[in-house]
Amino acid sequence: MARGRLKVADNALPDRIVIPDLDAVIVAGALHQADLIGFRLVIADPPADLRTLQASARWVVAAQEPEAGAVRFRGDTVVVTLRRDGGDGAGDREPRQPLPPRLSDRPPLGEEPPTPLERALPPLGRTRDELGQDATVLRFERPSAGH
């Protein structure tokens, strides 16, 4: 069985590619574009090993050489520098609405929470029963349906 040789066309030119804009793209996305389009991606001064950079969404492309839109040959190299983008990765830091009650504002376990009347009146050292019997406390009742 004879081996065949690959025949190269007489006028074969390497494929030309257009370098994409990688600005603010995470490392994994930039590597994916390099595979799709066909160029080599080199990270200048990597802040960590490549596996960590690929797994993190904090490191993004800050600059690239050659610039976006440049025409190069398939297999050429694009050099990128990275910057750390984003916070500490702890997630959303916006306050919840409404804010949860503070632990210090909650009544101790075993005690009933104060009524709206007790919260509205300044603390006078009176008990709940005394407040309920106070003549100045108005009680509102709904009128019956017949009136």
N, C-alpha and C. Protein backbone atom coordinates (compact mmCIF):
# COMPACT_ATOMS: atom_id res chain seq x y z
N MET A 1 0.83 -1.16 0.00
CA MET A 1 0.00 0.00 0.00
C MET A 1 0.89 1.24 0.00
N ALA A 2 0.70 2.07 -0.94
CA ALA A 2 1.56 3.24 -1.09
C ALA A 2 0.97 4.42 -0.35
N ARG A 3 1.86 5.19 0.18
CA ARG A 3 1.44 6.41 0.86
C ARG A 3 1.34 7.53 -0.16
N GLY A 4 0.28 8.29 -0.03
CA GLY A 4 0.13 9.42 -0.94
C GLY A 4 0.67 10.69 -0.30
N ARG A 5 1.12 11.57 -1.11
CA ARG A 5 1.60 12.85 -0.62
C ARG A 5 0.50 13.88 -0.76
N LEU A 6 0.51 14.82 0.19
CA LEU A 6 -0.42 15.93 0.08
C LEU A 6 0.06 16.85 -1.02
N LYS A 7 -0.82 17.20 -1.89
CA LYS A 7 -0.46 18.12 -2.96
C LYS A 7 -0.86 19.52 -2.56
N VAL A 8 0.06 20.42 -2.65
CA VAL A 8 -0.18 21.81 -2.33
C VAL A 8 -0.47 22.53 -3.64
N ALA A 9 -1.56 23.29 -3.62
CA ALA A 9 -1.89 24.05 -4.82
C ALA A 9 -0.79 25.05 -5.12
N ASP A 10 -0.62 25.30 -6.40
CA ASP A 10 0.46 26.18 -6.82
C ASP A 10 0.31 27.59 -6.25
N ASN A 11 -0.89 28.12 -6.19
CA ASN A 11 -1.11 29.48 -5.75
C ASN A 11 -1.75 29.54 -4.37
N ALA A 12 -1.49 28.58 -3.51
CA ALA A 12 -2.13 28.56 -2.19
C ALA A 12 -1.58 29.67 -1.30
N LEU A 13 -2.49 30.46 -0.76
CA LEU A 13 -2.13 31.52 0.18
C LEU A 13 -2.71 31.17 1.54
N PRO A 14 -2.01 31.51 2.62
CA PRO A 14 -2.58 31.25 3.93
C PRO A 14 -3.88 32.04 4.11
N ASP A 15 -4.77 31.50 4.88
CA ASP A 15 -6.03 32.17 5.14
C ASP A 15 -5.80 33.47 5.90
N ARG A 16 -6.50 34.49 5.50
CA ARG A 16 -6.43 35.76 6.21
C ARG A 16 -7.61 35.84 7.17
N ILE A 17 -7.35 36.43 8.34
CA ILE A 17 -8.40 36.61 9.35
C ILE A 17 -8.42 38.06 9.80
N VAL A 18 -9.54 38.47 10.34
CA VAL A 18 -9.68 39.81 10.92
C VAL A 18 -9.67 39.63 12.43
N ILE A 19 -8.79 40.34 13.10
CA ILE A 19 -8.66 40.22 14.56
C ILE A 19 -9.88 40.87 15.22
N PRO A 20 -10.56 40.14 16.11
CA PRO A 20 -11.75 40.70 16.76
C PRO A 20 -11.38 41.66 17.89
N ASP A 21 -12.36 42.42 18.32
CA ASP A 21 -12.18 43.32 19.46
C ASP A 21 -12.34 42.51 20.74
N LEU A 22 -11.27 42.36 21.50
CA LEU A 22 -11.29 41.57 22.72
C LEU A 22 -11.37 42.42 23.98
N ASP A 23 -11.54 43.73 23.83
CA ASP A 23 -11.58 44.64 24.97
C ASP A 23 -12.72 44.26 25.92
N ALA A 24 -12.41 44.09 27.20
CA ALA A 24 -13.34 43.77 28.28
C ALA A 24 -13.94 42.37 28.16
N VAL A 25 -13.33 41.49 27.39
CA VAL A 25 -13.78 40.10 27.28
C VAL A 25 -13.03 39.28 28.33
N ILE A 26 -13.75 38.37 29.02
CA ILE A 26 -13.07 37.53 30.01
C ILE A 26 -12.12 36.58 29.30
N VAL A 27 -11.19 36.02 30.05
CA VAL A 27 -10.13 35.20 29.46
C VAL A 27 -10.70 34.00 28.73
N ALA A 28 -11.68 33.33 29.31
CA ALA A 28 -12.26 32.16 28.66
C ALA A 28 -12.90 32.53 27.33
N GLY A 29 -13.56 33.68 27.26
CA GLY A 29 -14.16 34.13 26.01
C GLY A 29 -13.13 34.48 24.96
N ALA A 30 -12.03 35.11 25.38
CA ALA A 30 -10.97 35.46 24.44
C ALA A 30 -10.31 34.20 23.88
N LEU A 31 -10.09 33.20 24.72
CA LEU A 31 -9.51 31.94 24.24
C LEU A 31 -10.46 31.23 23.29
N HIS A 32 -11.75 31.30 23.58
CA HIS A 32 -12.75 30.68 22.71
C HIS A 32 -12.76 31.36 21.33
N GLN A 33 -12.70 32.68 21.30
CA GLN A 33 -12.65 33.39 20.02
C GLN A 33 -11.37 33.06 19.25
N ALA A 34 -10.26 32.90 19.97
CA ALA A 34 -9.01 32.53 19.32
C ALA A 34 -9.14 31.17 18.64
N ASP A 35 -9.79 30.23 19.31
CA ASP A 35 -10.00 28.91 18.70
C ASP A 35 -10.92 28.97 17.49
N LEU A 36 -11.98 29.75 17.60
CA LEU A 36 -12.94 29.84 16.50
C LEU A 36 -12.35 30.51 15.26
N ILE A 37 -11.63 31.60 15.47
CA ILE A 37 -11.13 32.39 14.34
C ILE A 37 -9.81 31.83 13.82
N GLY A 38 -8.98 31.32 14.73
CA GLY A 38 -7.75 30.69 14.29
C GLY A 38 -6.49 31.47 14.55
N PHE A 39 -6.41 32.19 15.65
CA PHE A 39 -5.17 32.86 16.02
C PHE A 39 -4.72 32.35 17.39
N ARG A 40 -3.45 32.57 17.69
CA ARG A 40 -2.91 32.18 19.00
C ARG A 40 -3.05 33.35 19.95
N LEU A 41 -3.48 33.09 21.16
CA LEU A 41 -3.64 34.13 22.17
C LEU A 41 -2.53 33.98 23.19
N VAL A 42 -1.79 35.06 23.42
CA VAL A 42 -0.72 35.07 24.41
C VAL A 42 -1.05 36.13 25.44
N ILE A 43 -0.97 35.74 26.72
CA ILE A 43 -1.26 36.67 27.82
C ILE A 43 0.06 37.22 28.33
N ALA A 44 0.22 38.54 28.23
CA ALA A 44 1.44 39.19 28.72
C ALA A 44 1.37 39.29 30.24
N ASP A 45 2.42 38.89 30.90
CA ASP A 45 2.51 38.95 32.37
C ASP A 45 1.27 38.37 33.04
N PRO A 46 1.04 37.09 32.90
CA PRO A 46 -0.17 36.53 33.52
C PRO A 46 -0.12 36.66 35.03
N PRO A 47 -1.21 37.14 35.64
CA PRO A 47 -1.25 37.29 37.09
C PRO A 47 -1.45 35.97 37.82
N ALA A 48 -1.83 34.92 37.09
CA ALA A 48 -2.04 33.60 37.69
C ALA A 48 -1.88 32.58 36.57
N ASP A 49 -1.99 31.30 36.94
CA ASP A 49 -1.87 30.27 35.91
C ASP A 49 -3.10 30.30 35.01
N LEU A 50 -2.98 29.75 33.82
CA LEU A 50 -4.03 29.84 32.81
C LEU A 50 -5.33 29.19 33.27
N ARG A 51 -5.25 28.09 33.97
CA ARG A 51 -6.47 27.40 34.43
C ARG A 51 -7.27 28.29 35.39
N THR A 52 -6.59 28.99 36.29
CA THR A 52 -7.26 29.91 37.22
C THR A 52 -7.87 31.08 36.46
N LEU A 53 -7.15 31.60 35.49
CA LEU A 53 -7.66 32.72 34.69
C LEU A 53 -8.90 32.32 33.90
N GLN A 54 -8.91 31.12 33.36
CA GLN A 54 -10.06 30.65 32.59
C GLN A 54 -11.29 30.46 33.47
N ALA A 55 -11.09 30.02 34.70
CA ALA A 55 -12.21 29.75 35.60
C ALA A 55 -12.77 31.03 36.23
N SER A 56 -11.99 32.10 36.23
CA SER A 56 -12.41 33.33 36.88
C SER A 56 -13.04 34.28 35.88
N ALA A 57 -14.09 34.97 36.31
CA ALA A 57 -14.71 36.00 35.47
C ALA A 57 -14.22 37.39 35.87
N ARG A 58 -13.22 37.45 36.74
CA ARG A 58 -12.71 38.74 37.21
C ARG A 58 -11.65 39.34 36.30
N TRP A 59 -10.95 38.51 35.55
CA TRP A 59 -9.86 39.01 34.71
C TRP A 59 -10.38 39.19 33.30
N VAL A 60 -10.24 40.41 32.77
CA VAL A 60 -10.69 40.73 31.43
C VAL A 60 -9.55 41.36 30.65
N VAL A 61 -9.70 41.37 29.32
CA VAL A 61 -8.68 41.93 28.44
C VAL A 61 -8.72 43.45 28.56
N ALA A 62 -7.55 44.04 28.84
CA ALA A 62 -7.43 45.49 28.95
C ALA A 62 -6.89 46.10 27.65
N ALA A 63 -5.99 45.39 26.99
CA ALA A 63 -5.39 45.88 25.74
C ALA A 63 -4.98 44.69 24.90
N GLN A 64 -4.90 44.91 23.59
CA GLN A 64 -4.48 43.84 22.68
C GLN A 64 -3.58 44.40 21.61
N GLU A 65 -2.70 43.54 21.11
CA GLU A 65 -1.80 43.91 20.03
C GLU A 65 -1.74 42.74 19.07
N PRO A 66 -2.13 42.81 17.86
CA PRO A 66 -2.57 43.97 17.10
C PRO A 66 -3.99 44.38 17.49
N GLU A 67 -4.34 45.60 17.11
CA GLU A 67 -5.64 46.17 17.43
C GLU A 67 -6.76 45.43 16.71
N ALA A 68 -7.97 45.63 17.21
CA ALA A 68 -9.15 45.02 16.58
C ALA A 68 -9.30 45.53 15.15
N GLY A 69 -9.69 44.63 14.27
CA GLY A 69 -9.88 44.99 12.86
C GLY A 69 -8.66 44.77 11.99
N ALA A 70 -7.52 44.48 12.60
CA ALA A 70 -6.31 44.24 11.82
C ALA A 70 -6.44 42.92 11.05
N VAL A 71 -5.90 42.89 9.86
CA VAL A 71 -5.93 41.67 9.04
C VAL A 71 -4.60 40.95 9.24
N ARG A 72 -4.70 39.70 9.64
CA ARG A 72 -3.51 38.87 9.86
C ARG A 72 -3.75 37.50 9.23
N PHE A 73 -2.73 36.66 9.30
CA PHE A 73 -2.85 35.30 8.79
C PHE A 73 -3.31 34.36 9.90
N ARG A 74 -4.03 33.32 9.49
CA ARG A 74 -4.46 32.31 10.44
C ARG A 74 -3.22 31.71 11.13
N GLY A 75 -3.27 31.61 12.46
CA GLY A 75 -2.14 31.09 13.23
C GLY A 75 -1.25 32.16 13.80
N ASP A 76 -1.46 33.43 13.42
CA ASP A 76 -0.66 34.52 13.99
C ASP A 76 -1.01 34.70 15.47
N THR A 77 -0.18 35.47 16.15
CA THR A 77 -0.31 35.66 17.59
C THR A 77 -0.92 37.01 17.91
N VAL A 78 -1.84 37.00 18.89
CA VAL A 78 -2.41 38.23 19.45
C VAL A 78 -1.99 38.26 20.91
N VAL A 79 -1.34 39.35 21.32
CA VAL A 79 -0.88 39.50 22.70
C VAL A 79 -1.88 40.38 23.44
N VAL A 80 -2.35 39.91 24.61
CA VAL A 80 -3.31 40.68 25.40
C VAL A 80 -2.74 40.92 26.80
N THR A 81 -3.10 42.05 27.37
CA THR A 81 -2.82 42.32 28.78
C THR A 81 -4.15 42.31 29.51
N LEU A 82 -4.11 41.91 30.77
CA LEU A 82 -5.33 41.73 31.55
C LEU A 82 -5.43 42.77 32.65
N ARG A 83 -6.66 42.98 33.10
CA ARG A 83 -6.92 43.79 34.29
C ARG A 83 -7.96 43.07 35.12
N ARG A 84 -7.89 43.31 36.41
CA ARG A 84 -8.88 42.71 37.31
C ARG A 84 -10.13 43.58 37.27
N ASP A 85 -11.24 42.97 36.96
CA ASP A 85 -12.50 43.69 36.82
C ASP A 85 -13.49 43.08 37.78
N GLY A 86 -14.21 43.92 38.52
CA GLY A 86 -15.21 43.42 39.45
C GLY A 86 -14.72 43.46 40.88
N GLY A 87 -15.60 43.11 41.80
CA GLY A 87 -15.30 43.18 43.23
C GLY A 87 -14.60 41.94 43.72
N ASP A 88 -14.90 41.59 44.94
CA ASP A 88 -14.25 40.46 45.56
C ASP A 88 -14.95 39.15 45.26
N GLY A 89 -15.98 39.19 44.41
CA GLY A 89 -16.67 37.97 44.03
C GLY A 89 -17.68 37.49 45.04
N ALA A 90 -18.04 38.32 45.99
CA ALA A 90 -18.96 37.89 47.04
C ALA A 90 -20.41 38.01 46.59
N GLY A 91 -20.66 38.50 45.40
CA GLY A 91 -22.02 38.56 44.91
C GLY A 91 -22.63 39.94 45.08
N ASP A 92 -23.95 39.97 45.01
CA ASP A 92 -24.70 41.23 45.05
C ASP A 92 -24.56 41.87 46.42
N ARG A 93 -24.19 43.14 46.45
CA ARG A 93 -24.00 43.86 47.71
C ARG A 93 -25.08 44.91 47.95
N GLU A 94 -26.12 44.97 47.12
CA GLU A 94 -27.16 45.96 47.34
C GLU A 94 -27.99 45.57 48.56
N PRO A 95 -28.46 46.55 49.33
CA PRO A 95 -29.25 46.21 50.51
C PRO A 95 -30.61 45.64 50.12
N ARG A 96 -31.08 44.75 50.95
CA ARG A 96 -32.39 44.18 50.72
C ARG A 96 -33.45 45.21 51.02
N GLN A 97 -34.54 45.18 50.28
CA GLN A 97 -35.65 46.10 50.53
C GLN A 97 -36.88 45.30 50.85
N PRO A 98 -37.55 45.47 51.91
CA PRO A 98 -37.17 46.33 53.03
C PRO A 98 -36.04 45.69 53.82
N LEU A 99 -35.36 46.52 54.58
CA LEU A 99 -34.26 46.02 55.38
C LEU A 99 -34.78 45.07 56.45
N PRO A 100 -34.07 43.99 56.72
CA PRO A 100 -34.51 43.09 57.78
C PRO A 100 -34.34 43.76 59.15
N PRO A 101 -35.16 43.38 60.13
CA PRO A 101 -35.02 44.00 61.45
C PRO A 101 -33.70 43.62 62.10
N ARG A 102 -33.16 44.53 62.86
CA ARG A 102 -31.92 44.26 63.58
C ARG A 102 -32.19 43.29 64.71
N LEU A 103 -31.21 42.50 65.03
CA LEU A 103 -31.38 41.55 66.12
C LEU A 103 -31.62 42.27 67.45
N SER A 104 -31.01 43.44 67.61
CA SER A 104 -31.18 44.17 68.86
C SER A 104 -32.59 44.74 68.99
N ASP A 105 -33.31 44.90 67.87
CA ASP A 105 -34.67 45.43 67.91
C ASP A 105 -35.71 44.35 68.15
N ARG A 106 -35.32 43.10 68.06
CA ARG A 106 -36.26 42.01 68.26
C ARG A 106 -36.45 41.76 69.75
N PRO A 107 -37.67 41.36 70.15
CA PRO A 107 -37.88 41.05 71.57
C PRO A 107 -37.16 39.75 71.93
N PRO A 108 -36.76 39.59 73.17
CA PRO A 108 -36.12 38.34 73.57
C PRO A 108 -37.08 37.17 73.37
N LEU A 109 -36.51 36.00 73.21
CA LEU A 109 -37.33 34.81 73.03
C LEU A 109 -38.23 34.61 74.24
N GLY A 110 -39.45 34.21 74.00
CA GLY A 110 -40.39 33.98 75.09
C GLY A 110 -41.24 35.18 75.41
N GLU A 111 -40.87 36.36 74.95
CA GLU A 111 -41.68 37.56 75.18
C GLU A 111 -42.50 37.86 73.94
N GLU A 112 -43.68 38.41 74.17
CA GLU A 112 -44.52 38.80 73.03
C GLU A 112 -43.97 40.10 72.45
N PRO A 113 -44.07 40.24 71.13
CA PRO A 113 -43.62 41.49 70.53
C PRO A 113 -44.54 42.64 70.94
N PRO A 114 -44.03 43.85 70.98
CA PRO A 114 -44.87 44.98 71.38
C PRO A 114 -45.96 45.24 70.35
N THR A 115 -47.09 45.72 70.85
CA THR A 115 -48.19 46.07 69.96
C THR A 115 -47.89 47.40 69.30
N PRO A 116 -48.62 47.76 68.26
CA PRO A 116 -48.39 49.07 67.63
C PRO A 116 -48.59 50.23 68.61
N LEU A 117 -49.51 50.06 69.56
CA LEU A 117 -49.73 51.10 70.56
C LEU A 117 -48.51 51.27 71.44
N GLU A 118 -47.93 50.17 71.86
CA GLU A 118 -46.74 50.24 72.71
C GLU A 118 -45.56 50.85 71.94
N ARG A 119 -45.48 50.55 70.66
CA ARG A 119 -44.38 51.14 69.87
C ARG A 119 -44.60 52.62 69.65
N ALA A 120 -45.86 53.06 69.56
CA ALA A 120 -46.15 54.46 69.28
C ALA A 120 -45.97 55.34 70.50
N LEU A 121 -46.27 54.82 71.69
CA LEU A 121 -46.17 55.63 72.92
C LEU A 121 -44.75 55.59 73.44
N PRO A 122 -44.31 56.69 74.03
CA PRO A 122 -42.97 56.67 74.63
C PRO A 122 -42.99 55.75 75.85
N PRO A 123 -41.86 55.14 76.14
CA PRO A 123 -41.83 54.23 77.29
C PRO A 123 -42.07 55.00 78.60
N LEU A 124 -43.13 54.65 79.28
CA LEU A 124 -43.49 55.32 80.53
C LEU A 124 -43.39 54.38 81.72
N GLY A 125 -42.92 53.19 81.49
CA GLY A 125 -42.82 52.24 82.58
C GLY A 125 -44.14 51.56 82.90
N ARG A 126 -45.10 51.63 81.98
CA ARG A 126 -46.39 50.99 82.22
C ARG A 126 -46.44 49.63 81.53
N THR A 127 -47.22 48.75 82.06
CA THR A 127 -47.35 47.42 81.49
C THR A 127 -48.41 47.44 80.40
N ARG A 128 -48.50 46.35 79.69
CA ARG A 128 -49.50 46.21 78.63
C ARG A 128 -50.91 46.32 79.17
N ASP A 129 -51.17 45.73 80.30
CA ASP A 129 -52.51 45.80 80.90
C ASP A 129 -52.85 47.23 81.30
N GLU A 130 -51.87 47.95 81.85
CA GLU A 130 -52.13 49.33 82.24
C GLU A 130 -52.43 50.19 81.02
N LEU A 131 -51.73 49.96 79.94
CA LEU A 131 -52.01 50.72 78.72
C LEU A 131 -53.40 50.41 78.18
N GLY A 132 -53.83 49.15 78.29
CA GLY A 132 -55.14 48.75 77.81
C GLY A 132 -56.27 49.35 78.63
N GLN A 133 -56.03 49.63 79.91
CA GLN A 133 -57.07 50.19 80.78
C GLN A 133 -57.05 51.71 80.82
N ASP A 134 -56.06 52.30 80.19
CA ASP A 134 -55.94 53.76 80.21
C ASP A 134 -57.14 54.38 79.51
N ALA A 135 -57.73 55.39 80.12
CA ALA A 135 -58.93 56.03 79.57
C ALA A 135 -58.60 56.87 78.35
N THR A 136 -57.35 57.23 78.17
CA THR A 136 -57.00 58.07 77.02
C THR A 136 -56.80 57.25 75.75
N VAL A 137 -56.79 55.95 75.87
CA VAL A 137 -56.59 55.09 74.71
C VAL A 137 -57.92 54.93 74.00
N LEU A 138 -57.95 55.27 72.74
CA LEU A 138 -59.17 55.15 71.96
C LEU A 138 -59.20 53.79 71.28
N ARG A 139 -60.34 53.20 71.27
CA ARG A 139 -60.51 51.93 70.58
C ARG A 139 -61.43 52.17 69.39
N PHE A 140 -60.99 51.73 68.23
CA PHE A 140 -61.79 51.88 67.03
C PHE A 140 -62.33 50.52 66.63
N GLU A 141 -63.61 50.48 66.39
CA GLU A 141 -64.25 49.27 65.93
C GLU A 141 -64.97 49.56 64.64
N ARG A 142 -65.02 48.57 63.78
CA ARG A 142 -65.75 48.74 62.53
C ARG A 142 -67.24 48.73 62.83
N PRO A 143 -67.97 49.57 62.18
CA PRO A 143 -69.41 49.52 62.37
C PRO A 143 -69.97 48.24 61.76
N SER A 144 -71.00 47.76 62.34
CA SER A 144 -71.62 46.53 61.82
C SER A 144 -72.21 46.81 60.45
N ALA A 145 -72.45 45.78 59.70
CA ALA A 145 -72.92 45.93 58.34
C ALA A 145 -74.31 46.53 58.27
N GLY A 146 -75.10 46.46 59.35
CA GLY A 146 -76.46 46.96 59.35
C GLY A 146 -76.55 48.45 59.55
N HIS A 147 -75.52 49.14 59.94
CA HIS A 147 -75.60 50.59 60.22
C HIS A 147 -75.20 51.40 59.06
